[in-house]
Amino acid sequence: MKIGAEVTGRYLGEFYFTGIVTAVRPIYVKTDGCLQHEVHLNEPIIVYGGLKTSILMNTLPDGSPSSYTRYSCYMSESVNGDGL
């Protein structure tokens, strides 16, 4: 995913979201090529009792799940703002 991409996905394996990618950083440890994506959320989500307006996603460059994290996090680009 590139900076500015409108995305939808699942955070920590259970929280659905929509937002915009605001930053992308490589992870400099032995991984399967995953990147850390910072996503500013369109609507805040409540995660384990805390309100989040942005999240960090560790996924492969195309947004698919990475073996680097134990959660099945994923995201994909929105098409015309209608989600996955």
C-alpha atoms as a PDB file:
ATOM      1  CA  MET A   1       0.000   0.000   0.000  1.00  0.00           C
ATOM      2  CA  LYS A   2       1.193   3.481  -0.820  1.00  0.00           C
ATOM      3  CA  ILE A   3       0.856   6.682   1.176  1.00  0.00           C
ATOM      4  CA  GLY A   4      -2.518   8.242   0.415  1.00  0.00           C
ATOM      5  CA  ALA A   5      -4.241   4.943  -0.401  1.00  0.00           C
ATOM      6  CA  GLU A   6      -7.791   4.604   0.914  1.00  0.00           C
ATOM      7  CA  VAL A   7      -7.981   1.214   2.635  1.00  0.00           C
ATOM      8  CA  THR A   8     -10.305  -1.106   4.503  1.00  0.00           C
ATOM      9  CA  GLY A   9      -9.278  -4.079   6.571  1.00  0.00           C
ATOM     10  CA  ARG A  10      -9.109  -5.891   9.866  1.00  0.00           C
ATOM     11  CA  TYR A  11      -6.901  -4.781  12.769  1.00  0.00           C
ATOM     12  CA  LEU A  12      -5.578  -7.289  15.355  1.00  0.00           C
ATOM     13  CA  GLY A  13      -7.606  -9.992  13.669  1.00  0.00           C
ATOM     14  CA  GLU A  14     -11.023  -8.676  14.745  1.00  0.00           C
ATOM     15  CA  PHE A  15     -11.567  -4.910  14.383  1.00  0.00           C
ATOM     16  CA  TYR A  16     -12.788  -3.712  10.985  1.00  0.00           C
ATOM     17  CA  PHE A  17     -11.708  -0.263   9.797  1.00  0.00           C
ATOM     18  CA  THR A  18     -11.531   2.159   6.887  1.00  0.00           C
ATOM     19  CA  GLY A  19      -8.897   4.866   6.553  1.00  0.00           C
ATOM     20  CA  ILE A  20      -6.001   6.424   4.660  1.00  0.00           C
ATOM     21  CA  VAL A  21      -2.372   5.247   4.721  1.00  0.00           C
ATOM     22  CA  THR A  22      -0.298   8.158   6.071  1.00  0.00           C
ATOM     23  CA  ALA A  23       3.130   6.500   6.416  1.00  0.00           C
ATOM     24  CA  VAL A  24       4.943   3.325   5.383  1.00  0.00           C
ATOM     25  CA  ARG A  25       8.135   2.085   7.071  1.00  0.00           C
ATOM     26  CA  PRO A  26      10.277  -0.986   6.510  1.00  0.00           C
ATOM     27  CA  ILE A  27      10.802  -3.298   9.472  1.00  0.00           C
ATOM     28  CA  TYR A  28      14.536  -3.905   9.856  1.00  0.00           C
ATOM     29  CA  VAL A  29      14.477  -7.323  11.483  1.00  0.00           C
ATOM     30  CA  LYS A  30      14.232 -10.726   9.878  1.00  0.00           C
ATOM     31  CA  THR A  31      10.704 -10.770   8.436  1.00  0.00           C
ATOM     32  CA  ASP A  32       8.927 -12.087   5.380  1.00  0.00           C
ATOM     33  CA  GLY A  33       9.154  -8.619   3.819  1.00  0.00           C
ATOM     34  CA  CYS A  34       6.389  -6.974   5.815  1.00  0.00           C
ATOM     35  CA  LEU A  35       6.085  -3.241   6.255  1.00  0.00           C
ATOM     36  CA  GLN A  36       4.565  -1.105   8.989  1.00  0.00           C
ATOM     37  CA  HIS A  37       1.699   1.021   7.647  1.00  0.00           C
ATOM     38  CA  GLU A  38       0.289   3.907   9.649  1.00  0.00           C
ATOM     39  CA  VAL A  39      -3.424   4.335   8.916  1.00  0.00           C
ATOM     40  CA  HIS A  40      -5.506   7.370   9.905  1.00  0.00           C
ATOM     41  CA  LEU A  41      -9.025   6.031  10.477  1.00  0.00           C
ATOM     42  CA  ASN A  42     -12.104   7.554   8.845  1.00  0.00           C
ATOM     43  CA  GLU A  43     -14.100   6.692  11.982  1.00  0.00           C
ATOM     44  CA  PRO A  44     -12.520   5.977  15.386  1.00  0.00           C
ATOM     45  CA  ILE A  45     -12.697   2.373  16.614  1.00  0.00           C
ATOM     46  CA  ILE A  46     -12.726   1.045  20.157  1.00  0.00           C
ATOM     47  CA  VAL A  47      -9.992  -1.551  20.700  1.00  0.00           C
ATOM     48  CA  TYR A  48     -10.073  -3.370  24.035  1.00  0.00           C
ATOM     49  CA  GLY A  49     -11.707  -0.363  25.716  1.00  0.00           C
ATOM     50  CA  GLY A  50      -9.461   2.311  24.155  1.00  0.00           C
ATOM     51  CA  LEU A  51     -10.476   4.729  21.403  1.00  0.00           C
ATOM     52  CA  LYS A  52      -8.170   4.720  18.359  1.00  0.00           C
ATOM     53  CA  THR A  53      -8.069   7.361  15.619  1.00  0.00           C
ATOM     54  CA  SER A  54      -5.034   5.809  13.910  1.00  0.00           C
ATOM     55  CA  ILE A  55      -3.437   2.370  13.874  1.00  0.00           C
ATOM     56  CA  LEU A  56      -0.198   0.671  12.858  1.00  0.00           C
ATOM     57  CA  MET A  57      -0.561  -2.342  10.582  1.00  0.00           C
ATOM     58  CA  ASN A  58       2.229  -4.867   9.946  1.00  0.00           C
ATOM     59  CA  THR A  59       1.373  -6.461   6.616  1.00  0.00           C
ATOM     60  CA  LEU A  60       3.048  -7.466   3.384  1.00  0.00           C
ATOM     61  CA  PRO A  61       3.411  -4.624   0.848  1.00  0.00           C
ATOM     62  CA  ASP A  62       0.126  -5.600  -0.838  1.00  0.00           C
ATOM     63  CA  GLY A  63      -1.759  -5.541   2.496  1.00  0.00           C
ATOM     64  CA  SER A  64      -2.011  -9.309   2.930  1.00  0.00           C
ATOM     65  CA  PRO A  65      -1.235 -10.961   6.293  1.00  0.00           C
ATOM     66  CA  SER A  66       2.403 -11.342   7.291  1.00  0.00           C
ATOM     67  CA  SER A  67       3.894 -14.194   9.294  1.00  0.00           C
ATOM     68  CA  TYR A  68       5.713 -11.469  11.311  1.00  0.00           C
ATOM     69  CA  THR A  69       2.593 -10.971  13.454  1.00  0.00           C
ATOM     70  CA  ARG A  70       0.402 -13.564  15.125  1.00  0.00           C
ATOM     71  CA  TYR A  71      -2.768 -11.687  14.162  1.00  0.00           C
ATOM     72  CA  SER A  72      -4.453 -12.112  10.809  1.00  0.00           C
ATOM     73  CA  CYS A  73      -4.306  -8.404   9.993  1.00  0.00           C
ATOM     74  CA  TYR A  74      -5.003  -7.400   6.430  1.00  0.00           C
ATOM     75  CA  MET A  75      -6.041  -4.420   4.382  1.00  0.00           C
ATOM     76  CA  SER A  76      -6.889  -3.697   0.773  1.00  0.00           C
ATOM     77  CA  GLU A  77      -7.444  -0.567  -1.238  1.00  0.00           C
ATOM     78  CA  SER A  78     -11.005   0.706  -1.274  1.00  0.00           C
ATOM     79  CA  VAL A  79     -12.696   0.914  -4.628  1.00  0.00           C
ATOM     80  CA  ASN A  80     -14.795   4.079  -4.875  1.00  0.00           C
ATOM     81  CA  GLY A  81     -14.945   4.154  -1.076  1.00  0.00           C
ATOM     82  CA  ASP A  82     -17.105   1.022  -0.903  1.00  0.00           C
ATOM     83  CA  GLY A  83     -14.662  -1.231   0.945  1.00  0.00           C
ATOM     84  CA  LEU A  84     -13.263  -4.639   0.098  1.00  0.00           C
END
